Amino acid sequence: MSVVRHEPHGILSAVVEGGGLVFTAGVTADDFSQDAKGQSEQVLAEIDRRLAVAGTDKTKIVSATIWVSDIRLRDDMNVAWNAWTGGENLPARACIEAKLANPAILVEIAVVAVK
């Protein structure tokens, strides 16, 4: 089985392909001045880009892990999530409250998709 690593930098690769699956590293927003919905929209757009790098897309996501800095932000994040998915091709998903690397980061998402 071959492994393909896309956009390696520092301590990780942004996207890794192996065994017919595509894994993204955790994605955070670029503009931390946004609220949870705005940060989520940025994160989801970046996930679209990363999946395209590996030749797949959001309709093939099988699992998503979402971290929010405060579980009360879940509803705002879900507004962006629901708009992005359109309620179709929904993956298995976990949403976890966690202390993130920077206090300004409200949302981080990592996904696994089929190639």
PDB file of N, CA and C in Angstrom:
ATOM      1  N   MET A   1       0.851  -1.176   0.000  1.00  0.00           N
ATOM      2  CA  MET A   1       0.000   0.000   0.000  1.00  0.00           C
ATOM      3  C   MET A   1       0.894   1.237   0.000  1.00  0.00           C
ATOM      4  N   SER A   2       0.619   2.137  -0.904  1.00  0.00           N
ATOM      5  CA  SER A   2       1.396   3.373  -0.947  1.00  0.00           C
ATOM      6  C   SER A   2       0.735   4.449  -0.091  1.00  0.00           C
ATOM      7  N   VAL A   3       1.552   5.345   0.378  1.00  0.00           N
ATOM      8  CA  VAL A   3       1.086   6.493   1.150  1.00  0.00           C
ATOM      9  C   VAL A   3       1.570   7.737   0.433  1.00  0.00           C
ATOM     10  N   VAL A   4       0.650   8.686   0.231  1.00  0.00           N
ATOM     11  CA  VAL A   4       0.985   9.949  -0.414  1.00  0.00           C
ATOM     12  C   VAL A   4       0.714  11.064   0.592  1.00  0.00           C
ATOM     13  N   ARG A   5       1.719  11.914   0.791  1.00  0.00           N
ATOM     14  CA  ARG A   5       1.598  13.029   1.740  1.00  0.00           C
ATOM     15  C   ARG A   5       1.605  14.331   0.957  1.00  0.00           C
ATOM     16  N   HIS A   6       0.581  15.134   1.181  1.00  0.00           N
ATOM     17  CA  HIS A   6       0.458  16.421   0.503  1.00  0.00           C
ATOM     18  C   HIS A   6       0.728  17.555   1.491  1.00  0.00           C
ATOM     19  N   GLU A   7       1.426  18.565   1.004  1.00  0.00           N
ATOM     20  CA  GLU A   7       1.671  19.789   1.769  1.00  0.00           C
ATOM     21  C   GLU A   7       2.312  19.518   3.134  1.00  0.00           C
ATOM     22  N   PRO A   8       3.431  18.770   3.143  1.00  0.00           N
ATOM     23  CA  PRO A   8       4.120  18.561   4.416  1.00  0.00           C
ATOM     24  C   PRO A   8       4.806  19.854   4.872  1.00  0.00           C
ATOM     25  N   HIS A   9       4.709  20.138   6.141  1.00  0.00           N
ATOM     26  CA  HIS A   9       5.403  21.305   6.704  1.00  0.00           C
ATOM     27  C   HIS A   9       5.483  21.151   8.210  1.00  0.00           C
ATOM     28  N   GLY A  10       6.614  21.549   8.740  1.00  0.00           N
ATOM     29  CA  GLY A  10       6.792  21.522  10.191  1.00  0.00           C
ATOM     30  C   GLY A  10       6.635  20.129  10.764  1.00  0.00           C
ATOM     31  N   ILE A  11       5.530  19.897  11.448  1.00  0.00           N
ATOM     32  CA  ILE A  11       5.322  18.644  12.174  1.00  0.00           C
ATOM     33  C   ILE A  11       4.243  17.749  11.573  1.00  0.00           C
ATOM     34  N   LEU A  12       3.690  18.132  10.417  1.00  0.00           N
ATOM     35  CA  LEU A  12       2.587  17.346   9.865  1.00  0.00           C
ATOM     36  C   LEU A  12       2.455  17.553   8.368  1.00  0.00           C
ATOM     37  N   SER A  13       1.627  16.717   7.752  1.00  0.00           N
ATOM     38  CA  SER A  13       1.201  16.926   6.370  1.00  0.00           C
ATOM     39  C   SER A  13      -0.254  17.362   6.425  1.00  0.00           C
ATOM     40  N   ALA A  14      -0.633  18.289   5.569  1.00  0.00           N
ATOM     41  CA  ALA A  14      -2.008  18.792   5.574  1.00  0.00           C
ATOM     42  C   ALA A  14      -3.000  17.717   5.164  1.00  0.00           C
ATOM     43  N   VAL A  15      -2.573  16.826   4.250  1.00  0.00           N
ATOM     44  CA  VAL A  15      -3.426  15.757   3.741  1.00  0.00           C
ATOM     45  C   VAL A  15      -2.562  14.512   3.533  1.00  0.00           C
ATOM     46  N   VAL A  16      -3.095  13.364   3.917  1.00  0.00           N
ATOM     47  CA  VAL A  16      -2.400  12.099   3.701  1.00  0.00           C
ATOM     48  C   VAL A  16      -3.383  11.114   3.079  1.00  0.00           C
ATOM     49  N   GLU A  17      -2.905  10.426   2.020  1.00  0.00           N
ATOM     50  CA  GLU A  17      -3.693   9.384   1.359  1.00  0.00           C
ATOM     51  C   GLU A  17      -3.080   8.030   1.654  1.00  0.00           C
ATOM     52  N   GLY A  18      -3.920   7.058   1.952  1.00  0.00           N
ATOM     53  CA  GLY A  18      -3.446   5.695   2.141  1.00  0.00           C
ATOM     54  C   GLY A  18      -4.603   4.731   2.244  1.00  0.00           C
ATOM     55  N   GLY A  19      -4.470   3.573   1.638  1.00  0.00           N
ATOM     56  CA  GLY A  19      -5.503   2.552   1.751  1.00  0.00           C
ATOM     57  C   GLY A  19      -6.848   2.978   1.208  1.00  0.00           C
ATOM     58  N   GLY A  20      -6.853   3.848   0.212  1.00  0.00           N
ATOM     59  CA  GLY A  20      -8.108   4.308  -0.367  1.00  0.00           C
ATOM     60  C   GLY A  20      -8.810   5.390   0.439  1.00  0.00           C
ATOM     61  N   LEU A  21      -8.152   5.849   1.500  1.00  0.00           N
ATOM     62  CA  LEU A  21      -8.725   6.894   2.349  1.00  0.00           C
ATOM     63  C   LEU A  21      -7.868   8.154   2.288  1.00  0.00           C
ATOM     64  N   VAL A  22      -8.498   9.288   2.578  1.00  0.00           N
ATOM     65  CA  VAL A  22      -7.826  10.586   2.628  1.00  0.00           C
ATOM     66  C   VAL A  22      -8.078  11.173   4.012  1.00  0.00           C
ATOM     67  N   PHE A  23      -6.994  11.553   4.675  1.00  0.00           N
ATOM     68  CA  PHE A  23      -7.060  12.111   6.023  1.00  0.00           C
ATOM     69  C   PHE A  23      -6.598  13.560   5.985  1.00  0.00           C
ATOM     70  N   THR A  24      -7.350  14.460   6.598  1.00  0.00           N
ATOM     71  CA  THR A  24      -6.858  15.830   6.733  1.00  0.00           C
ATOM     72  C   THR A  24      -6.337  16.026   8.154  1.00  0.00           C
ATOM     73  N   ALA A  25      -5.323  16.853   8.263  1.00  0.00           N
ATOM     74  CA  ALA A  25      -4.909  17.320   9.580  1.00  0.00           C
ATOM     75  C   ALA A  25      -6.022  18.222  10.106  1.00  0.00           C
ATOM     76  N   GLY A  26      -6.001  18.510  11.381  1.00  0.00           N
ATOM     77  CA  GLY A  26      -6.979  19.440  11.936  1.00  0.00           C
ATOM     78  C   GLY A  26      -6.849  20.789  11.260  1.00  0.00           C
ATOM     79  N   VAL A  27      -7.985  21.361  10.885  1.00  0.00           N
ATOM     80  CA  VAL A  27      -8.017  22.637  10.165  1.00  0.00           C
ATOM     81  C   VAL A  27      -8.617  23.698  11.076  1.00  0.00           C
ATOM     82  N   THR A  28      -7.941  24.836  11.163  1.00  0.00           N
ATOM     83  CA  THR A  28      -8.471  25.985  11.902  1.00  0.00           C
ATOM     84  C   THR A  28      -8.592  27.162  10.942  1.00  0.00           C
ATOM     85  N   ALA A  29      -9.307  28.169  11.375  1.00  0.00           N
ATOM     86  CA  ALA A  29      -9.518  29.364  10.561  1.00  0.00           C
ATOM     87  C   ALA A  29      -8.231  30.173  10.429  1.00  0.00           C
ATOM     88  N   ASP A  30      -8.195  31.015   9.408  1.00  0.00           N
ATOM     89  CA  ASP A  30      -7.094  31.965   9.239  1.00  0.00           C
ATOM     90  C   ASP A  30      -7.400  33.282   9.937  1.00  0.00           C
ATOM     91  N   ASP A  31      -8.679  33.630   9.999  1.00  0.00           N
ATOM     92  CA  ASP A  31      -9.111  34.902  10.585  1.00  0.00           C
ATOM     93  C   ASP A  31      -9.792  34.623  11.916  1.00  0.00           C
ATOM     94  N   PHE A  32      -9.048  34.789  12.998  1.00  0.00           N
ATOM     95  CA  PHE A  32      -9.575  34.492  14.322  1.00  0.00           C
ATOM     96  C   PHE A  32     -10.517  35.576  14.851  1.00  0.00           C
ATOM     97  N   SER A  33     -10.688  36.663  14.115  1.00  0.00           N
ATOM     98  CA  SER A  33     -11.615  37.701  14.565  1.00  0.00           C
ATOM     99  C   SER A  33     -13.066  37.295  14.312  1.00  0.00           C
ATOM    100  N   GLN A  34     -13.278  36.238  13.536  1.00  0.00           N
ATOM    101  CA  GLN A  34     -14.628  35.757  13.222  1.00  0.00           C
ATOM    102  C   GLN A  34     -15.225  35.008  14.415  1.00  0.00           C
ATOM    103  N   ASP A  35     -16.565  34.949  14.454  1.00  0.00           N
ATOM    104  CA  ASP A  35     -17.240  34.145  15.469  1.00  0.00           C
ATOM    105  C   ASP A  35     -17.168  32.672  15.067  1.00  0.00           C
ATOM    106  N   ALA A  36     -17.780  31.792  15.847  1.00  0.00           N
ATOM    107  CA  ALA A  36     -17.692  30.350  15.586  1.00  0.00           C
ATOM    108  C   ALA A  36     -18.267  29.987  14.221  1.00  0.00           C
ATOM    109  N   LYS A  37     -19.344  30.603  13.819  1.00  0.00           N
ATOM    110  CA  LYS A  37     -19.920  30.324  12.501  1.00  0.00           C
ATOM    111  C   LYS A  37     -18.947  30.749  11.408  1.00  0.00           C
ATOM    112  N   GLY A  38     -18.400  31.945  11.521  1.00  0.00           N
ATOM    113  CA  GLY A  38     -17.455  32.442  10.522  1.00  0.00           C
ATOM    114  C   GLY A  38     -16.190  31.604  10.459  1.00  0.00           C
ATOM    115  N   GLN A  39     -15.645  31.235  11.624  1.00  0.00           N
ATOM    116  CA  GLN A  39     -14.466  30.372  11.627  1.00  0.00           C
ATOM    117  C   GLN A  39     -14.789  29.018  11.008  1.00  0.00           C
ATOM    118  N   SER A  40     -15.953  28.477  11.308  1.00  0.00           N
ATOM    119  CA  SER A  40     -16.355  27.188  10.737  1.00  0.00           C
ATOM    120  C   SER A  40     -16.456  27.262   9.222  1.00  0.00           C
ATOM    121  N   GLU A  41     -16.996  28.336   8.704  1.00  0.00           N
ATOM    122  CA  GLU A  41     -17.097  28.506   7.249  1.00  0.00           C
ATOM    123  C   GLU A  41     -15.710  28.517   6.616  1.00  0.00           C
ATOM    124  N   GLN A  42     -14.761  29.206   7.242  1.00  0.00           N
ATOM    125  CA  GLN A  42     -13.384  29.210   6.734  1.00  0.00           C
ATOM    126  C   GLN A  42     -12.779  27.815   6.770  1.00  0.00           C
ATOM    127  N   VAL A  43     -12.977  27.114   7.877  1.00  0.00           N
ATOM    128  CA  VAL A  43     -12.435  25.767   8.037  1.00  0.00           C
ATOM    129  C   VAL A  43     -13.009  24.829   6.974  1.00  0.00           C
ATOM    130  N   LEU A  44     -14.309  24.889   6.751  1.00  0.00           N
ATOM    131  CA  LEU A  44     -14.949  23.995   5.794  1.00  0.00           C
ATOM    132  C   LEU A  44     -14.503  24.289   4.363  1.00  0.00           C
ATOM    133  N   ALA A  45     -14.283  25.547   4.042  1.00  0.00           N
ATOM    134  CA  ALA A  45     -13.754  25.896   2.715  1.00  0.00           C
ATOM    135  C   ALA A  45     -12.349  25.325   2.538  1.00  0.00           C
ATOM    136  N   GLU A  46     -11.541  25.368   3.590  1.00  0.00           N
ATOM    137  CA  GLU A  46     -10.190  24.799   3.517  1.00  0.00           C
ATOM    138  C   GLU A  46     -10.247  23.277   3.415  1.00  0.00           C
ATOM    139  N   ILE A  47     -11.195  22.651   4.084  1.00  0.00           N
ATOM    140  CA  ILE A  47     -11.359  21.200   3.951  1.00  0.00           C
ATOM    141  C   ILE A  47     -11.718  20.851   2.508  1.00  0.00           C
ATOM    142  N   ASP A  48     -12.605  21.631   1.883  1.00  0.00           N
ATOM    143  CA  ASP A  48     -12.915  21.416   0.462  1.00  0.00           C
ATOM    144  C   ASP A  48     -11.641  21.455  -0.376  1.00  0.00           C
ATOM    145  N   ARG A  49     -10.796  22.446  -0.121  1.00  0.00           N
ATOM    146  CA  ARG A  49      -9.556  22.595  -0.885  1.00  0.00           C
ATOM    147  C   ARG A  49      -8.626  21.404  -0.663  1.00  0.00           C
ATOM    148  N   ARG A  50      -8.459  21.005   0.585  1.00  0.00           N
ATOM    149  CA  ARG A  50      -7.552  19.897   0.897  1.00  0.00           C
ATOM    150  C   ARG A  50      -8.043  18.585   0.286  1.00  0.00           C
ATOM    151  N   LEU A  51      -9.335  18.337   0.348  1.00  0.00           N
ATOM    152  CA  LEU A  51      -9.863  17.113  -0.251  1.00  0.00           C
ATOM    153  C   LEU A  51      -9.647  17.109  -1.762  1.00  0.00           C
ATOM    154  N   ALA A  52      -9.812  18.265  -2.393  1.00  0.00           N
ATOM    155  CA  ALA A  52      -9.597  18.371  -3.844  1.00  0.00           C
ATOM    156  C   ALA A  52      -8.141  18.058  -4.199  1.00  0.00           C
ATOM    157  N   VAL A  53      -7.200  18.461  -3.356  1.00  0.00           N
ATOM    158  CA  VAL A  53      -5.785  18.162  -3.578  1.00  0.00           C
ATOM    159  C   VAL A  53      -5.583  16.654  -3.716  1.00  0.00           C
ATOM    160  N   ALA A  54      -6.348  15.888  -2.964  1.00  0.00           N
ATOM    161  CA  ALA A  54      -6.225  14.433  -2.976  1.00  0.00           C
ATOM    162  C   ALA A  54      -7.220  13.759  -3.928  1.00  0.00           C
ATOM    163  N   GLY A  55      -7.958  14.544  -4.686  1.00  0.00           N
ATOM    164  CA  GLY A  55      -8.859  13.981  -5.676  1.00  0.00           C
ATOM    165  C   GLY A  55     -10.167  13.441  -5.134  1.00  0.00           C
ATOM    166  N   THR A  56     -10.655  14.032  -4.052  1.00  0.00           N
ATOM    167  CA  THR A  56     -11.948  13.628  -3.508  1.00  0.00           C
ATOM    168  C   THR A  56     -12.724  14.869  -3.098  1.00  0.00           C
ATOM    169  N   ASP A  57     -13.848  14.685  -2.436  1.00  0.00           N
ATOM    170  CA  ASP A  57     -14.652  15.847  -2.032  1.00  0.00           C
ATOM    171  C   ASP A  57     -15.512  15.511  -0.818  1.00  0.00           C
ATOM    172  N   LYS A  58     -16.227  16.503  -0.330  1.00  0.00           N
ATOM    173  CA  LYS A  58     -16.987  16.361   0.910  1.00  0.00           C
ATOM    174  C   LYS A  58     -18.073  15.296   0.843  1.00  0.00           C
ATOM    175  N   THR A  59     -18.539  14.941  -0.347  1.00  0.00           N
ATOM    176  CA  THR A  59     -19.580  13.907  -0.448  1.00  0.00           C
ATOM    177  C   THR A  59     -19.040  12.528  -0.083  1.00  0.00           C
ATOM    178  N   LYS A  60     -17.724  12.410   0.011  1.00  0.00           N
ATOM    179  CA  LYS A  60     -17.104  11.120   0.322  1.00  0.00           C
ATOM    180  C   LYS A  60     -16.509  11.078   1.729  1.00  0.00           C
ATOM    181  N   ILE A  61     -16.819  12.086   2.550  1.00  0.00           N
ATOM    182  CA  ILE A  61     -16.347  12.078   3.936  1.00  0.00           C
ATOM    183  C   ILE A  61     -17.094  10.996   4.706  1.00  0.00           C
ATOM    184  N   VAL A  62     -16.342  10.155   5.410  1.00  0.00           N
ATOM    185  CA  VAL A  62     -16.956   9.096   6.207  1.00  0.00           C
ATOM    186  C   VAL A  62     -16.882   9.383   7.709  1.00  0.00           C
ATOM    187  N   SER A  63     -15.983  10.279   8.108  1.00  0.00           N
ATOM    188  CA  SER A  63     -15.833  10.585   9.521  1.00  0.00           C
ATOM    189  C   SER A  63     -15.328  12.017   9.691  1.00  0.00           C
ATOM    190  N   ALA A  64     -15.856  12.692  10.693  1.00  0.00           N
ATOM    191  CA  ALA A  64     -15.404  14.050  11.024  1.00  0.00           C
ATOM    192  C   ALA A  64     -15.243  14.154  12.538  1.00  0.00           C
ATOM    193  N   THR A  65     -14.160  14.780  12.940  1.00  0.00           N
ATOM    194  CA  THR A  65     -13.954  15.106  14.351  1.00  0.00           C
ATOM    195  C   THR A  65     -13.886  16.617  14.446  1.00  0.00           C
ATOM    196  N   ILE A  66     -14.726  17.159  15.307  1.00  0.00           N
ATOM    197  CA  ILE A  66     -14.840  18.610  15.468  1.00  0.00           C
ATOM    198  C   ILE A  66     -14.525  18.952  16.917  1.00  0.00           C
ATOM    199  N   TRP A  67     -13.615  19.892  17.081  1.00  0.00           N
ATOM    200  CA  TRP A  67     -13.294  20.396  18.416  1.00  0.00           C
ATOM    201  C   TRP A  67     -13.778  21.836  18.500  1.00  0.00           C
ATOM    202  N   VAL A  68     -14.470  22.171  19.569  1.00  0.00           N
ATOM    203  CA  VAL A  68     -14.887  23.551  19.824  1.00  0.00           C
ATOM    204  C   VAL A  68     -14.315  23.968  21.178  1.00  0.00           C
ATOM    205  N   SER A  69     -13.930  25.227  21.272  1.00  0.00           N
ATOM    206  CA  SER A  69     -13.311  25.695  22.513  1.00  0.00           C
ATOM    207  C   SER A  69     -14.318  25.773  23.656  1.00  0.00           C
ATOM    208  N   ASP A  70     -15.584  25.861  23.317  1.00  0.00           N
ATOM    209  CA  ASP A  70     -16.673  25.900  24.304  1.00  0.00           C
ATOM    210  C   ASP A  70     -17.855  25.184  23.665  1.00  0.00           C
ATOM    211  N   ILE A  71     -18.389  24.175  24.307  1.00  0.00           N
ATOM    212  CA  ILE A  71     -19.461  23.374  23.710  1.00  0.00           C
ATOM    213  C   ILE A  71     -20.677  24.223  23.360  1.00  0.00           C
ATOM    214  N   ARG A  72     -20.810  25.374  23.999  1.00  0.00           N
ATOM    215  CA  ARG A  72     -21.928  26.262  23.665  1.00  0.00           C
ATOM    216  C   ARG A  72     -21.798  26.865  22.270  1.00  0.00           C
ATOM    217  N   LEU A  73     -20.619  26.729  21.642  1.00  0.00           N
ATOM    218  CA  LEU A  73     -20.411  27.201  20.271  1.00  0.00           C
ATOM    219  C   LEU A  73     -20.889  26.189  19.240  1.00  0.00           C
ATOM    220  N   ARG A  74     -21.285  25.020  19.696  1.00  0.00           N
ATOM    221  CA  ARG A  74     -21.694  23.936  18.798  1.00  0.00           C
ATOM    222  C   ARG A  74     -22.825  24.360  17.868  1.00  0.00           C
ATOM    223  N   ASP A  75     -23.821  25.044  18.393  1.00  0.00           N
ATOM    224  CA  ASP A  75     -24.960  25.445  17.554  1.00  0.00           C
ATOM    225  C   ASP A  75     -24.527  26.377  16.431  1.00  0.00           C
ATOM    226  N   ASP A  76     -23.661  27.352  16.726  1.00  0.00           N
ATOM    227  CA  ASP A  76     -23.177  28.272  15.692  1.00  0.00           C
ATOM    228  C   ASP A  76     -22.336  27.529  14.654  1.00  0.00           C
ATOM    229  N   MET A  77     -21.503  26.607  15.121  1.00  0.00           N
ATOM    230  CA  MET A  77     -20.719  25.797  14.201  1.00  0.00           C
ATOM    231  C   MET A  77     -21.640  24.962  13.324  1.00  0.00           C
ATOM    232  N   ASN A  78     -22.701  24.406  13.911  1.00  0.00           N
ATOM    233  CA  ASN A  78     -23.635  23.570  13.156  1.00  0.00           C
ATOM    234  C   ASN A  78     -24.383  24.343  12.070  1.00  0.00           C
ATOM    235  N   VAL A  79     -24.581  25.629  12.253  1.00  0.00           N
ATOM    236  CA  VAL A  79     -25.201  26.438  11.192  1.00  0.00           C
ATOM    237  C   VAL A  79     -24.336  26.372   9.937  1.00  0.00           C
ATOM    238  N   ALA A  80     -23.031  26.573  10.113  1.00  0.00           N
ATOM    239  CA  ALA A  80     -22.111  26.495   8.970  1.00  0.00           C
ATOM    240  C   ALA A  80     -22.029  25.064   8.444  1.00  0.00           C
ATOM    241  N   TRP A  81     -21.944  24.086   9.334  1.00  0.00           N
ATOM    242  CA  TRP A  81     -21.862  22.678   8.940  1.00  0.00           C
ATOM    243  C   TRP A  81     -23.072  22.275   8.101  1.00  0.00           C
ATOM    244  N   ASN A  82     -24.273  22.612   8.576  1.00  0.00           N
ATOM    245  CA  ASN A  82     -25.493  22.232   7.865  1.00  0.00           C
ATOM    246  C   ASN A  82     -25.598  22.898   6.498  1.00  0.00           C
ATOM    247  N   ALA A  83     -25.166  24.143   6.402  1.00  0.00           N
ATOM    248  CA  ALA A  83     -25.160  24.827   5.101  1.00  0.00           C
ATOM    249  C   ALA A  83     -24.165  24.150   4.161  1.00  0.00           C
ATOM    250  N   TRP A  84     -23.027  23.750   4.692  1.00  0.00           N
ATOM    251  CA  TRP A  84     -21.971  23.127   3.889  1.00  0.00           C
ATOM    252  C   TRP A  84     -22.381  21.747   3.395  1.00  0.00           C
ATOM    253  N   THR A  85     -22.974  20.936   4.264  1.00  0.00           N
ATOM    254  CA  THR A  85     -23.355  19.574   3.867  1.00  0.00           C
ATOM    255  C   THR A  85     -24.668  19.549   3.097  1.00  0.00           C
ATOM    256  N   GLY A  86     -25.505  20.544   3.306  1.00  0.00           N
ATOM    257  CA  GLY A  86     -26.828  20.518   2.688  1.00  0.00           C
ATOM    258  C   GLY A  86     -27.686  19.381   3.215  1.00  0.00           C
ATOM    259  N   GLY A  87     -27.291  18.795   4.340  1.00  0.00           N
ATOM    260  CA  GLY A  87     -28.042  17.698   4.930  1.00  0.00           C
ATOM    261  C   GLY A  87     -27.887  16.379   4.199  1.00  0.00           C
ATOM    262  N   GLU A  88     -26.900  16.295   3.295  1.00  0.00           N
ATOM    263  CA  GLU A  88     -26.695  15.082   2.505  1.00  0.00           C
ATOM    264  C   GLU A  88     -25.307  14.504   2.742  1.00  0.00           C
ATOM    265  N   ASN A  89     -25.166  13.226   2.496  1.00  0.00           N
ATOM    266  CA  ASN A  89     -23.877  12.533   2.612  1.00  0.00           C
ATOM    267  C   ASN A  89     -23.226  12.787   3.972  1.00  0.00           C
ATOM    268  N   LEU A  90     -24.026  12.710   5.019  1.00  0.00           N
ATOM    269  CA  LEU A  90     -23.533  13.032   6.355  1.00  0.00           C
ATOM    270  C   LEU A  90     -22.599  11.940   6.885  1.00  0.00           C
ATOM    271  N   PRO A  91     -21.426  12.338   7.385  1.00  0.00           N
ATOM    272  CA  PRO A  91     -20.486  11.357   7.930  1.00  0.00           C
ATOM    273  C   PRO A  91     -20.810  11.020   9.381  1.00  0.00           C
ATOM    274  N   ALA A  92     -20.166   9.978   9.885  1.00  0.00           N
ATOM    275  CA  ALA A  92     -20.126   9.780  11.328  1.00  0.00           C
ATOM    276  C   ALA A  92     -19.371  10.989  11.887  1.00  0.00           C
ATOM    277  N   ARG A  93     -19.753  11.430  13.078  1.00  0.00           N
ATOM    278  CA  ARG A  93     -19.172  12.690  13.549  1.00  0.00           C
ATOM    279  C   ARG A  93     -19.098  12.725  15.062  1.00  0.00           C
ATOM    280  N   ALA A  94     -18.048  13.352  15.563  1.00  0.00           N
ATOM    281  CA  ALA A  94     -17.923  13.634  16.983  1.00  0.00           C
ATOM    282  C   ALA A  94     -17.660  15.126  17.130  1.00  0.00           C
ATOM    283  N   CYS A  95     -18.260  15.726  18.143  1.00  0.00           N
ATOM    284  CA  CYS A  95     -18.021  17.139  18.451  1.00  0.00           C
ATOM    285  C   CYS A  95     -17.613  17.203  19.920  1.00  0.00           C
ATOM    286  N   ILE A  96     -16.418  17.734  20.149  1.00  0.00           N
ATOM    287  CA  ILE A  96     -15.795  17.661  21.463  1.00  0.00           C
ATOM    288  C   ILE A  96     -15.381  19.057  21.924  1.00  0.00           C
ATOM    289  N   GLU A  97     -15.656  19.367  23.183  1.00  0.00           N
ATOM    290  CA  GLU A  97     -15.130  20.599  23.757  1.00  0.00           C
ATOM    291  C   GLU A  97     -13.674  20.348  24.147  1.00  0.00           C
ATOM    292  N   ALA A  98     -12.792  21.275  23.736  1.00  0.00           N
ATOM    293  CA  ALA A  98     -11.371  21.099  24.029  1.00  0.00           C
ATOM    294  C   ALA A  98     -10.682  22.450  24.131  1.00  0.00           C
ATOM    295  N   LYS A  99      -9.634  22.491  24.914  1.00  0.00           N
ATOM    296  CA  LYS A  99      -8.769  23.662  24.947  1.00  0.00           C
ATOM    297  C   LYS A  99      -7.907  23.592  23.695  1.00  0.00           C
ATOM    298  N   LEU A 100      -8.056  24.553  22.796  1.00  0.00           N
ATOM    299  CA  LEU A 100      -7.332  24.546  21.532  1.00  0.00           C
ATOM    300  C   LEU A 100      -6.008  25.295  21.663  1.00  0.00           C
ATOM    301  N   ALA A 101      -5.154  25.182  20.659  1.00  0.00           N
ATOM    302  CA  ALA A 101      -3.780  25.675  20.732  1.00  0.00           C
ATOM    303  C   ALA A 101      -3.669  27.176  20.980  1.00  0.00           C
ATOM    304  N   ASN A 102      -4.640  27.933  20.519  1.00  0.00           N
ATOM    305  CA  ASN A 102      -4.644  29.387  20.666  1.00  0.00           C
ATOM    306  C   ASN A 102      -6.030  29.768  21.170  1.00  0.00           C
ATOM    307  N   PRO A 103      -6.139  30.594  22.201  1.00  0.00           N
ATOM    308  CA  PRO A 103      -7.463  30.937  22.735  1.00  0.00           C
ATOM    309  C   PRO A 103      -8.400  31.592  21.712  1.00  0.00           C
ATOM    310  N   ALA A 104      -7.847  32.148  20.649  1.00  0.00           N
ATOM    311  CA  ALA A 104      -8.683  32.779  19.618  1.00  0.00           C
ATOM    312  C   ALA A 104      -9.298  31.758  18.666  1.00  0.00           C
ATOM    313  N   ILE A 105      -8.768  30.539  18.669  1.00  0.00           N
ATOM    314  CA  ILE A 105      -9.329  29.478  17.821  1.00  0.00           C
ATOM    315  C   ILE A 105     -10.571  28.936  18.506  1.00  0.00           C
ATOM    316  N   LEU A 106     -11.687  28.992  17.796  1.00  0.00           N
ATOM    317  CA  LEU A 106     -12.954  28.527  18.341  1.00  0.00           C
ATOM    318  C   LEU A 106     -13.336  27.141  17.839  1.00  0.00           C
ATOM    319  N   VAL A 107     -12.868  26.789  16.630  1.00  0.00           N
ATOM    320  CA  VAL A 107     -13.273  25.537  15.981  1.00  0.00           C
ATOM    321  C   VAL A 107     -12.071  24.929  15.261  1.00  0.00           C
ATOM    322  N   GLU A 108     -11.941  23.615  15.355  1.00  0.00           N
ATOM    323  CA  GLU A 108     -10.967  22.862  14.570  1.00  0.00           C
ATOM    324  C   GLU A 108     -11.663  21.609  14.074  1.00  0.00           C
ATOM    325  N   ILE A 109     -11.441  21.251  12.819  1.00  0.00           N
ATOM    326  CA  ILE A 109     -12.092  20.085  12.225  1.00  0.00           C
ATOM    327  C   ILE A 109     -11.080  19.252  11.448  1.00  0.00           C
ATOM    328  N   ALA A 110     -11.151  17.936  11.606  1.00  0.00           N
ATOM    329  CA  ALA A 110     -10.385  16.989  10.797  1.00  0.00           C
ATOM    330  C   ALA A 110     -11.366  15.976  10.224  1.00  0.00           C
ATOM    331  N   VAL A 111     -11.123  15.547   8.979  1.00  0.00           N
ATOM    332  CA  VAL A 111     -12.019  14.589   8.344  1.00  0.00           C
ATOM    333  C   VAL A 111     -11.245  13.431   7.733  1.00  0.00           C
ATOM    334  N   VAL A 112     -11.974  12.342   7.497  1.00  0.00           N
ATOM    335  CA  VAL A 112     -11.483  11.190   6.751  1.00  0.00           C
ATOM    336  C   VAL A 112     -12.486  10.979   5.625  1.00  0.00           C
ATOM    337  N   ALA A 113     -11.973  10.857   4.399  1.00  0.00           N
ATOM    338  CA  ALA A 113     -12.833  10.652   3.239  1.00  0.00           C
ATOM    339  C   ALA A 113     -12.332   9.469   2.423  1.00  0.00           C
ATOM    340  N   VAL A 114     -13.223   8.887   1.652  1.00  0.00           N
ATOM    341  CA  VAL A 114     -12.863   7.853   0.697  1.00  0.00           C
ATOM    342  C   VAL A 114     -12.296   8.546  -0.533  1.00  0.00           C
ATOM    343  N   LYS A 115     -11.273   7.972  -1.114  1.00  0.00           N
ATOM    344  CA  LYS A 115     -10.609   8.555  -2.295  1.00  0.00           C
ATOM    345  C   LYS A 115     -11.567   8.648  -3.468  1.00  0.00           C
TER     346      LYS A 115
END
